[in-house]
Amino acid sequence: MEIESEDEIPKDANFWYWTRVQKERFANHAEYEKLKNSFVLSNKLLQKKGNKDLALLHPLPRIGEILPEVDADPRALYFRNQIRNGLFIRMALVPLVLGRL
């Protein structure tokens, strides 16, 4: 579901896939500047709209669409998943780079 305002965020969502307003999608730079900070995730918003079972995801890297205060929330899974997936990639690449595959 794509939303256009904070009011449209459902309280019963299983996950939020939070991402930035993408500059490269705008033909008009002024329009991007007007909208770029429209959706910034904060602890206040998580308290207001997030439920206890919510999984918060983000593709990383981020620019400012998620405040650093949110990182400590146990529902914020973006670093944990990135680290785990990165581990598996490195496990596969090291033997390949060393010529052992």
PDB file of N, CA and C in Angstrom:
ATOM      1  N   MET A   1       0.845  -1.173   0.000  1.00  0.00           N
ATOM      2  CA  MET A   1       0.000   0.000   0.000  1.00  0.00           C
ATOM      3  C   MET A   1       0.888   1.234   0.000  1.00  0.00           C
ATOM      4  N   GLU A   2       0.659   2.124  -0.896  1.00  0.00           N
ATOM      5  CA  GLU A   2       1.369   3.400  -0.932  1.00  0.00           C
ATOM      6  C   GLU A   2       0.471   4.438  -0.296  1.00  0.00           C
ATOM      7  N   ILE A   3       1.033   5.256   0.576  1.00  0.00           N
ATOM      8  CA  ILE A   3       0.229   6.249   1.274  1.00  0.00           C
ATOM      9  C   ILE A   3       0.696   7.659   0.942  1.00  0.00           C
ATOM     10  N   GLU A   4      -0.193   8.603   1.147  1.00  0.00           N
ATOM     11  CA  GLU A   4       0.137   9.991   0.836  1.00  0.00           C
ATOM     12  C   GLU A   4       0.141  10.893   2.052  1.00  0.00           C
ATOM     13  N   SER A   5      -0.285  10.384   3.211  1.00  0.00           N
ATOM     14  CA  SER A   5      -0.238  11.180   4.439  1.00  0.00           C
ATOM     15  C   SER A   5      -0.126  10.258   5.642  1.00  0.00           C
ATOM     16  N   GLU A   6       0.366  10.808   6.728  1.00  0.00           N
ATOM     17  CA  GLU A   6       0.505  10.052   7.973  1.00  0.00           C
ATOM     18  C   GLU A   6      -0.823   9.463   8.426  1.00  0.00           C
ATOM     19  N   ASP A   7      -1.890  10.162   8.168  1.00  0.00           N
ATOM     20  CA  ASP A   7      -3.218   9.696   8.587  1.00  0.00           C
ATOM     21  C   ASP A   7      -3.613   8.381   7.931  1.00  0.00           C
ATOM     22  N   GLU A   8      -3.030   8.075   6.783  1.00  0.00           N
ATOM     23  CA  GLU A   8      -3.366   6.860   6.042  1.00  0.00           C
ATOM     24  C   GLU A   8      -2.599   5.632   6.519  1.00  0.00           C
ATOM     25  N   ILE A   9      -1.661   5.797   7.440  1.00  0.00           N
ATOM     26  CA  ILE A   9      -0.885   4.660   7.920  1.00  0.00           C
ATOM     27  C   ILE A   9      -1.783   3.755   8.751  1.00  0.00           C
ATOM     28  N   PRO A  10      -1.948   2.494   8.356  1.00  0.00           N
ATOM     29  CA  PRO A  10      -2.811   1.592   9.128  1.00  0.00           C
ATOM     30  C   PRO A  10      -2.137   1.166  10.438  1.00  0.00           C
ATOM     31  N   LYS A  11      -2.927   1.095  11.493  1.00  0.00           N
ATOM     32  CA  LYS A  11      -2.387   0.705  12.800  1.00  0.00           C
ATOM     33  C   LYS A  11      -2.214  -0.804  12.937  1.00  0.00           C
ATOM     34  N   ASP A  12      -2.810  -1.570  12.057  1.00  0.00           N
ATOM     35  CA  ASP A  12      -2.753  -3.029  12.176  1.00  0.00           C
ATOM     36  C   ASP A  12      -1.805  -3.671  11.157  1.00  0.00           C
ATOM     37  N   ALA A  13      -0.875  -2.892  10.610  1.00  0.00           N
ATOM     38  CA  ALA A  13       0.042  -3.421   9.600  1.00  0.00           C
ATOM     39  C   ALA A  13       1.023  -4.412  10.218  1.00  0.00           C
ATOM     40  N   ASN A  14       1.380  -5.437   9.466  1.00  0.00           N
ATOM     41  CA  ASN A  14       2.377  -6.409   9.907  1.00  0.00           C
ATOM     42  C   ASN A  14       3.794  -5.867   9.732  1.00  0.00           C
ATOM     43  N   PHE A  15       3.996  -5.037   8.715  1.00  0.00           N
ATOM     44  CA  PHE A  15       5.310  -4.433   8.507  1.00  0.00           C
ATOM     45  C   PHE A  15       5.158  -3.097   7.802  1.00  0.00           C
ATOM     46  N   TRP A  16       6.160  -2.268   7.993  1.00  0.00           N
ATOM     47  CA  TRP A  16       6.306  -1.029   7.234  1.00  0.00           C
ATOM     48  C   TRP A  16       7.608  -1.149   6.465  1.00  0.00           C
ATOM     49  N   TYR A  17       7.548  -0.929   5.177  1.00  0.00           N
ATOM     50  CA  TYR A  17       8.750  -0.855   4.352  1.00  0.00           C
ATOM     51  C   TYR A  17       8.968   0.624   4.089  1.00  0.00           C
ATOM     52  N   TRP A  18       9.810   1.221   4.908  1.00  0.00           N
ATOM     53  CA  TRP A  18       9.998   2.667   4.894  1.00  0.00           C
ATOM     54  C   TRP A  18      11.153   3.015   3.976  1.00  0.00           C
ATOM     55  N   THR A  19      10.959   3.965   3.101  1.00  0.00           N
ATOM     56  CA  THR A  19      12.038   4.394   2.220  1.00  0.00           C
ATOM     57  C   THR A  19      11.950   5.900   2.016  1.00  0.00           C
ATOM     58  N   ARG A  20      12.911   6.444   1.347  1.00  0.00           N
ATOM     59  CA  ARG A  20      12.971   7.891   1.165  1.00  0.00           C
ATOM     60  C   ARG A  20      12.131   8.324  -0.033  1.00  0.00           C
ATOM     61  N   VAL A  21      11.829   9.602  -0.075  1.00  0.00           N
ATOM     62  CA  VAL A  21      11.280  10.194  -1.288  1.00  0.00           C
ATOM     63  C   VAL A  21      12.460  10.255  -2.251  1.00  0.00           C
ATOM     64  N   GLN A  22      12.335   9.650  -3.405  1.00  0.00           N
ATOM     65  CA  GLN A  22      13.475   9.462  -4.301  1.00  0.00           C
ATOM     66  C   GLN A  22      13.654  10.614  -5.287  1.00  0.00           C
ATOM     67  N   LYS A  23      14.729  11.349  -5.079  1.00  0.00           N
ATOM     68  CA  LYS A  23      15.064  12.522  -5.894  1.00  0.00           C
ATOM     69  C   LYS A  23      15.086  12.196  -7.386  1.00  0.00           C
ATOM     70  N   GLU A  24      15.625  11.028  -7.711  1.00  0.00           N
ATOM     71  CA  GLU A  24      15.781  10.659  -9.120  1.00  0.00           C
ATOM     72  C   GLU A  24      14.451  10.409  -9.833  1.00  0.00           C
ATOM     73  N   ARG A  25      13.377  10.366  -9.113  1.00  0.00           N
ATOM     74  CA  ARG A  25      12.060  10.141  -9.716  1.00  0.00           C
ATOM     75  C   ARG A  25      11.343  11.448 -10.080  1.00  0.00           C
ATOM     76  N   PHE A  26      11.969  12.583  -9.756  1.00  0.00           N
ATOM     77  CA  PHE A  26      11.350  13.881  -9.987  1.00  0.00           C
ATOM     78  C   PHE A  26      11.989  14.577 -11.181  1.00  0.00           C
ATOM     79  N   ALA A  27      11.161  15.066 -12.078  1.00  0.00           N
ATOM     80  CA  ALA A  27      11.648  15.877 -13.192  1.00  0.00           C
ATOM     81  C   ALA A  27      11.871  17.313 -12.717  1.00  0.00           C
ATOM     82  N   ASN A  28      11.113  17.720 -11.723  1.00  0.00           N
ATOM     83  CA  ASN A  28      11.173  19.077 -11.204  1.00  0.00           C
ATOM     84  C   ASN A  28      11.847  19.074  -9.834  1.00  0.00           C
ATOM     85  N   HIS A  29      13.039  19.678  -9.747  1.00  0.00           N
ATOM     86  CA  HIS A  29      13.801  19.674  -8.495  1.00  0.00           C
ATOM     87  C   HIS A  29      13.054  20.396  -7.366  1.00  0.00           C
ATOM     88  N   ALA A  30      12.340  21.451  -7.690  1.00  0.00           N
ATOM     89  CA  ALA A  30      11.594  22.205  -6.675  1.00  0.00           C
ATOM     90  C   ALA A  30      10.507  21.336  -6.045  1.00  0.00           C
ATOM     91  N   GLU A  31       9.881  20.495  -6.842  1.00  0.00           N
ATOM     92  CA  GLU A  31       8.847  19.584  -6.322  1.00  0.00           C
ATOM     93  C   GLU A  31       9.466  18.566  -5.357  1.00  0.00           C
ATOM     94  N   TYR A  32      10.630  18.053  -5.712  1.00  0.00           N
ATOM     95  CA  TYR A  32      11.340  17.135  -4.808  1.00  0.00           C
ATOM     96  C   TYR A  32      11.663  17.832  -3.492  1.00  0.00           C
ATOM     97  N   GLU A  33      12.218  19.025  -3.557  1.00  0.00           N
ATOM     98  CA  GLU A  33      12.581  19.766  -2.344  1.00  0.00           C
ATOM     99  C   GLU A  33      11.358  19.986  -1.448  1.00  0.00           C
ATOM    100  N   LYS A  34      10.214  20.195  -2.065  1.00  0.00           N
ATOM    101  CA  LYS A  34       8.978  20.412  -1.307  1.00  0.00           C
ATOM    102  C   LYS A  34       8.531  19.139  -0.576  1.00  0.00           C
ATOM    103  N   LEU A  35       8.779  17.984  -1.178  1.00  0.00           N
ATOM    104  CA  LEU A  35       8.257  16.729  -0.646  1.00  0.00           C
ATOM    105  C   LEU A  35       9.270  15.849   0.083  1.00  0.00           C
ATOM    106  N   LYS A  36      10.563  16.137  -0.035  1.00  0.00           N
ATOM    107  CA  LYS A  36      11.591  15.204   0.422  1.00  0.00           C
ATOM    108  C   LYS A  36      11.502  14.827   1.900  1.00  0.00           C
ATOM    109  N   ASN A  37      11.006  15.689   2.740  1.00  0.00           N
ATOM    110  CA  ASN A  37      10.888  15.375   4.164  1.00  0.00           C
ATOM    111  C   ASN A  37       9.435  15.158   4.592  1.00  0.00           C
ATOM    112  N   SER A  38       8.613  14.738   3.660  1.00  0.00           N
ATOM    113  CA  SER A  38       7.194  14.526   3.955  1.00  0.00           C
ATOM    114  C   SER A  38       6.958  13.370   4.915  1.00  0.00           C
ATOM    115  N   PHE A  39       7.779  12.336   4.820  1.00  0.00           N
ATOM    116  CA  PHE A  39       7.611  11.146   5.645  1.00  0.00           C
ATOM    117  C   PHE A  39       8.909  10.849   6.376  1.00  0.00           C
ATOM    118  N   VAL A  40       8.983  11.305   7.614  1.00  0.00           N
ATOM    119  CA  VAL A  40      10.150  11.041   8.452  1.00  0.00           C
ATOM    120  C   VAL A  40       9.673  10.216   9.636  1.00  0.00           C
ATOM    121  N   LEU A  41      10.246   9.041   9.784  1.00  0.00           N
ATOM    122  CA  LEU A  41       9.833   8.137  10.857  1.00  0.00           C
ATOM    123  C   LEU A  41      10.545   8.500  12.156  1.00  0.00           C
ATOM    124  N   SER A  42       9.753   8.696  13.194  1.00  0.00           N
ATOM    125  CA  SER A  42      10.267   9.051  14.518  1.00  0.00           C
ATOM    126  C   SER A  42       9.660   8.106  15.548  1.00  0.00           C
ATOM    127  N   ASN A  43      10.192   8.136  16.752  1.00  0.00           N
ATOM    128  CA  ASN A  43       9.600   7.343  17.835  1.00  0.00           C
ATOM    129  C   ASN A  43       8.158   7.774  18.100  1.00  0.00           C
ATOM    130  N   LYS A  44       7.900   9.063  17.961  1.00  0.00           N
ATOM    131  CA  LYS A  44       6.542   9.581  18.175  1.00  0.00           C
ATOM    132  C   LYS A  44       5.554   8.952  17.184  1.00  0.00           C
ATOM    133  N   LEU A  45       5.954   8.872  15.928  1.00  0.00           N
ATOM    134  CA  LEU A  45       5.085   8.263  14.916  1.00  0.00           C
ATOM    135  C   LEU A  45       4.922   6.765  15.176  1.00  0.00           C
ATOM    136  N   LEU A  46       6.004   6.099  15.569  1.00  0.00           N
ATOM    137  CA  LEU A  46       5.909   4.674  15.898  1.00  0.00           C
ATOM    138  C   LEU A  46       4.935   4.439  17.046  1.00  0.00           C
ATOM    139  N   GLN A  47       4.973   5.286  18.049  1.00  0.00           N
ATOM    140  CA  GLN A  47       4.043   5.154  19.174  1.00  0.00           C
ATOM    141  C   GLN A  47       2.610   5.376  18.728  1.00  0.00           C
ATOM    142  N   LYS A  48       2.425   6.349  17.863  1.00  0.00           N
ATOM    143  CA  LYS A  48       1.077   6.724  17.418  1.00  0.00           C
ATOM    144  C   LYS A  48       0.464   5.684  16.471  1.00  0.00           C
ATOM    145  N   LYS A  49       1.262   5.171  15.540  1.00  0.00           N
ATOM    146  CA  LYS A  49       0.715   4.328  14.470  1.00  0.00           C
ATOM    147  C   LYS A  49       1.192   2.879  14.463  1.00  0.00           C
ATOM    148  N   GLY A  50       2.312   2.588  15.107  1.00  0.00           N
ATOM    149  CA  GLY A  50       2.856   1.236  15.063  1.00  0.00           C
ATOM    150  C   GLY A  50       2.255   0.342  16.128  1.00  0.00           C
ATOM    151  N   ASN A  51       2.101  -0.921  15.816  1.00  0.00           N
ATOM    152  CA  ASN A  51       1.610  -1.872  16.812  1.00  0.00           C
ATOM    153  C   ASN A  51       2.787  -2.686  17.349  1.00  0.00           C
ATOM    154  N   LYS A  52       2.556  -3.456  18.376  1.00  0.00           N
ATOM    155  CA  LYS A  52       3.646  -4.184  19.052  1.00  0.00           C
ATOM    156  C   LYS A  52       4.283  -5.262  18.171  1.00  0.00           C
ATOM    157  N   ASP A  53       3.576  -5.767  17.170  1.00  0.00           N
ATOM    158  CA  ASP A  53       4.084  -6.841  16.317  1.00  0.00           C
ATOM    159  C   ASP A  53       4.659  -6.339  14.989  1.00  0.00           C
ATOM    160  N   LEU A  54       4.729  -5.043  14.831  1.00  0.00           N
ATOM    161  CA  LEU A  54       5.193  -4.443  13.590  1.00  0.00           C
ATOM    162  C   LEU A  54       6.657  -4.795  13.307  1.00  0.00           C
ATOM    163  N   ALA A  55       6.969  -5.077  12.055  1.00  0.00           N
ATOM    164  CA  ALA A  55       8.354  -5.242  11.600  1.00  0.00           C
ATOM    165  C   ALA A  55       8.669  -4.045  10.711  1.00  0.00           C
ATOM    166  N   LEU A  56       9.684  -3.296  11.083  1.00  0.00           N
ATOM    167  CA  LEU A  56      10.067  -2.107  10.334  1.00  0.00           C
ATOM    168  C   LEU A  56      11.266  -2.430   9.448  1.00  0.00           C
ATOM    169  N   LEU A  57      11.090  -2.255   8.137  1.00  0.00           N
ATOM    170  CA  LEU A  57      12.115  -2.596   7.151  1.00  0.00           C
ATOM    171  C   LEU A  57      12.523  -1.353   6.368  1.00  0.00           C
ATOM    172  N   HIS A  58      13.742  -1.363   5.864  1.00  0.00           N
ATOM    173  CA  HIS A  58      14.255  -0.265   5.038  1.00  0.00           C
ATOM    174  C   HIS A  58      15.344  -0.844   4.137  1.00  0.00           C
ATOM    175  N   PRO A  59      15.440  -0.427   2.874  1.00  0.00           N
ATOM    176  CA  PRO A  59      16.430  -1.007   1.968  1.00  0.00           C
ATOM    177  C   PRO A  59      17.862  -0.530   2.232  1.00  0.00           C
ATOM    178  N   LEU A  60      18.050   0.544   2.957  1.00  0.00           N
ATOM    179  CA  LEU A  60      19.349   1.158   3.242  1.00  0.00           C
ATOM    180  C   LEU A  60      20.110   1.456   1.953  1.00  0.00           C
ATOM    181  N   PRO A  61      20.952   2.415   1.891  1.00  0.00           N
ATOM    182  CA  PRO A  61      21.233   3.371   2.948  1.00  0.00           C
ATOM    183  C   PRO A  61      20.084   4.364   3.089  1.00  0.00           C
ATOM    184  N   ARG A  62      20.088   5.068   4.176  1.00  0.00           N
ATOM    185  CA  ARG A  62      19.042   6.054   4.391  1.00  0.00           C
ATOM    186  C   ARG A  62      19.654   7.446   4.414  1.00  0.00           C
ATOM    187  N   ILE A  63      18.815   8.436   4.177  1.00  0.00           N
ATOM    188  CA  ILE A  63      19.287   9.818   4.086  1.00  0.00           C
ATOM    189  C   ILE A  63      18.792  10.651   5.261  1.00  0.00           C
ATOM    190  N   GLY A  64      17.628  10.398   5.750  1.00  0.00           N
ATOM    191  CA  GLY A  64      17.063  11.184   6.833  1.00  0.00           C
ATOM    192  C   GLY A  64      15.602  10.853   7.055  1.00  0.00           C
ATOM    193  N   GLU A  65      15.138   9.847   6.348  1.00  0.00           N
ATOM    194  CA  GLU A  65      13.723   9.469   6.429  1.00  0.00           C
ATOM    195  C   GLU A  65      13.393   8.659   7.676  1.00  0.00           C
ATOM    196  N   ILE A  66      14.413   8.179   8.378  1.00  0.00           N
ATOM    197  CA  ILE A  66      14.228   7.513   9.667  1.00  0.00           C
ATOM    198  C   ILE A  66      15.183   8.192  10.643  1.00  0.00           C
ATOM    199  N   LEU A  67      14.629   8.745  11.718  1.00  0.00           N
ATOM    200  CA  LEU A  67      15.485   9.383  12.709  1.00  0.00           C
ATOM    201  C   LEU A  67      16.308   8.329  13.444  1.00  0.00           C
ATOM    202  N   PRO A  68      17.544   8.651  13.805  1.00  0.00           N
ATOM    203  CA  PRO A  68      18.404   7.684  14.496  1.00  0.00           C
ATOM    204  C   PRO A  68      17.795   7.119  15.780  1.00  0.00           C
ATOM    205  N   GLU A  69      16.915   7.855  16.424  1.00  0.00           N
ATOM    206  CA  GLU A  69      16.269   7.385  17.660  1.00  0.00           C
ATOM    207  C   GLU A  69      15.478   6.100  17.440  1.00  0.00           C
ATOM    208  N   VAL A  70      15.030   5.856  16.229  1.00  0.00           N
ATOM    209  CA  VAL A  70      14.217   4.685  15.909  1.00  0.00           C
ATOM    210  C   VAL A  70      15.065   3.404  15.901  1.00  0.00           C
ATOM    211  N   ASP A  71      16.362   3.536  15.664  1.00  0.00           N
ATOM    212  CA  ASP A  71      17.240   2.366  15.563  1.00  0.00           C
ATOM    213  C   ASP A  71      17.197   1.470  16.792  1.00  0.00           C
ATOM    214  N   ALA A  72      16.950   2.040  17.956  1.00  0.00           N
ATOM    215  CA  ALA A  72      16.934   1.267  19.203  1.00  0.00           C
ATOM    216  C   ALA A  72      15.631   0.489  19.387  1.00  0.00           C
ATOM    217  N   ASP A  73      14.634   0.770  18.597  1.00  0.00           N
ATOM    218  CA  ASP A  73      13.348   0.079  18.725  1.00  0.00           C
ATOM    219  C   ASP A  73      13.514  -1.368  18.250  1.00  0.00           C
ATOM    220  N   PRO A  74      13.059  -2.339  19.036  1.00  0.00           N
ATOM    221  CA  PRO A  74      13.222  -3.748  18.636  1.00  0.00           C
ATOM    222  C   PRO A  74      12.483  -4.117  17.350  1.00  0.00           C
ATOM    223  N   ARG A  75      11.536  -3.298  16.939  1.00  0.00           N
ATOM    224  CA  ARG A  75      10.804  -3.567  15.694  1.00  0.00           C
ATOM    225  C   ARG A  75      11.599  -3.142  14.461  1.00  0.00           C
ATOM    226  N   ALA A  76      12.659  -2.352  14.652  1.00  0.00           N
ATOM    227  CA  ALA A  76      13.496  -1.881  13.548  1.00  0.00           C
ATOM    228  C   ALA A  76      14.450  -3.011  13.150  1.00  0.00           C
ATOM    229  N   LEU A  77      14.155  -3.673  12.070  1.00  0.00           N
ATOM    230  CA  LEU A  77      14.901  -4.861  11.655  1.00  0.00           C
ATOM    231  C   LEU A  77      15.911  -4.600  10.551  1.00  0.00           C
ATOM    232  N   TYR A  78      15.984  -3.381  10.049  1.00  0.00           N
ATOM    233  CA  TYR A  78      16.810  -3.122   8.874  1.00  0.00           C
ATOM    234  C   TYR A  78      18.287  -3.395   9.105  1.00  0.00           C
ATOM    235  N   PHE A  79      18.882  -3.010  10.239  1.00  0.00           N
ATOM    236  CA  PHE A  79      20.306  -3.289  10.466  1.00  0.00           C
ATOM    237  C   PHE A  79      20.537  -4.771  10.724  1.00  0.00           C
ATOM    238  N   ARG A  80      19.695  -5.355  11.543  1.00  0.00           N
ATOM    239  CA  ARG A  80      19.847  -6.775  11.879  1.00  0.00           C
ATOM    240  C   ARG A  80      19.807  -7.647  10.625  1.00  0.00           C
ATOM    241  N   ASN A  81      18.850  -7.406   9.768  1.00  0.00           N
ATOM    242  CA  ASN A  81      18.734  -8.198   8.532  1.00  0.00           C
ATOM    243  C   ASN A  81      19.880  -7.919   7.572  1.00  0.00           C
ATOM    244  N   GLN A  82      20.295  -6.663   7.473  1.00  0.00           N
ATOM    245  CA  GLN A  82      21.402  -6.330   6.582  1.00  0.00           C
ATOM    246  C   GLN A  82      22.685  -7.015   7.043  1.00  0.00           C
ATOM    247  N   ILE A  83      22.921  -7.008   8.346  1.00  0.00           N
ATOM    248  CA  ILE A  83      24.133  -7.636   8.887  1.00  0.00           C
ATOM    249  C   ILE A  83      24.116  -9.134   8.618  1.00  0.00           C
ATOM    250  N   ARG A  84      22.986  -9.787   8.908  1.00  0.00           N
ATOM    251  CA  ARG A  84      22.899 -11.234   8.705  1.00  0.00           C
ATOM    252  C   ARG A  84      23.069 -11.595   7.234  1.00  0.00           C
ATOM    253  N   ASN A  85      22.375 -10.892   6.364  1.00  0.00           N
ATOM    254  CA  ASN A  85      22.485 -11.183   4.933  1.00  0.00           C
ATOM    255  C   ASN A  85      23.888 -10.894   4.413  1.00  0.00           C
ATOM    256  N   GLY A  86      24.500  -9.823   4.916  1.00  0.00           N
ATOM    257  CA  GLY A  86      25.869  -9.499   4.520  1.00  0.00           C
ATOM    258  C   GLY A  86      26.844 -10.584   4.933  1.00  0.00           C
ATOM    259  N   LEU A  87      26.606 -11.189   6.083  1.00  0.00           N
ATOM    260  CA  LEU A  87      27.461 -12.288   6.554  1.00  0.00           C
ATOM    261  C   LEU A  87      27.437 -13.443   5.559  1.00  0.00           C
ATOM    262  N   PHE A  88      26.255 -13.823   5.104  1.00  0.00           N
ATOM    263  CA  PHE A  88      26.138 -14.933   4.162  1.00  0.00           C
ATOM    264  C   PHE A  88      26.816 -14.605   2.831  1.00  0.00           C
ATOM    265  N   ILE A  89      26.699 -13.372   2.392  1.00  0.00           N
ATOM    266  CA  ILE A  89      27.351 -12.961   1.146  1.00  0.00           C
ATOM    267  C   ILE A  89      28.867 -13.061   1.294  1.00  0.00           C
ATOM    268  N   ARG A  90      29.381 -12.552   2.422  1.00  0.00           N
ATOM    269  CA  ARG A  90      30.837 -12.637   2.644  1.00  0.00           C
ATOM    270  C   ARG A  90      31.296 -14.083   2.748  1.00  0.00           C
ATOM    271  N   MET A  91      30.505 -14.931   3.381  1.00  0.00           N
ATOM    272  CA  MET A  91      30.868 -16.349   3.487  1.00  0.00           C
ATOM    273  C   MET A  91      30.992 -16.980   2.099  1.00  0.00           C
ATOM    274  N   ALA A  92      30.155 -16.550   1.184  1.00  0.00           N
ATOM    275  CA  ALA A  92      30.200 -17.088  -0.175  1.00  0.00           C
ATOM    276  C   ALA A  92      31.346 -16.480  -0.993  1.00  0.00           C
ATOM    277  N   LEU A  93      31.632 -15.208  -0.755  1.00  0.00           N
ATOM    278  CA  LEU A  93      32.653 -14.526  -1.555  1.00  0.00           C
ATOM    279  C   LEU A  93      34.084 -14.857  -1.162  1.00  0.00           C
ATOM    280  N   VAL A  94      34.352 -15.055   0.112  1.00  0.00           N
ATOM    281  CA  VAL A  94      35.728 -15.299   0.552  1.00  0.00           C
ATOM    282  C   VAL A  94      36.345 -16.515  -0.139  1.00  0.00           C
ATOM    283  N   PRO A  95      35.689 -17.662  -0.152  1.00  0.00           N
ATOM    284  CA  PRO A  95      36.304 -18.799  -0.878  1.00  0.00           C
ATOM    285  C   PRO A  95      36.459 -18.521  -2.373  1.00  0.00           C
ATOM    286  N   LEU A  96      35.505 -17.798  -2.944  1.00  0.00           N
ATOM    287  CA  LEU A  96      35.577 -17.477  -4.359  1.00  0.00           C
ATOM    288  C   LEU A  96      36.790 -16.593  -4.645  1.00  0.00           C
ATOM    289  N   VAL A  97      36.990 -15.567  -3.830  1.00  0.00           N
ATOM    290  CA  VAL A  97      38.123 -14.654  -4.009  1.00  0.00           C
ATOM    291  C   VAL A  97      39.448 -15.377  -3.785  1.00  0.00           C
ATOM    292  N   LEU A  98      39.483 -16.287  -2.832  1.00  0.00           N
ATOM    293  CA  LEU A  98      40.708 -17.027  -2.547  1.00  0.00           C
ATOM    294  C   LEU A  98      40.940 -18.201  -3.505  1.00  0.00           C
ATOM    295  N   GLY A  99      40.028 -18.381  -4.453  1.00  0.00           N
ATOM    296  CA  GLY A  99      40.183 -19.423  -5.444  1.00  0.00           C
ATOM    297  C   GLY A  99      39.932 -20.820  -4.920  1.00  0.00           C
ATOM    298  N   ARG A 100      39.102 -20.940  -3.912  1.00  0.00           N
ATOM    299  CA  ARG A 100      38.846 -22.254  -3.302  1.00  0.00           C
ATOM    300  C   ARG A 100      37.467 -22.804  -3.656  1.00  0.00           C
ATOM    301  N   LEU A 101      36.874 -22.297  -4.694  1.00  0.00           N
ATOM    302  CA  LEU A 101      35.587 -22.827  -5.141  1.00  0.00           C
ATOM    303  C   LEU A 101      35.724 -23.484  -6.475  1.00  0.00           C
TER     304      LEU A 101
END
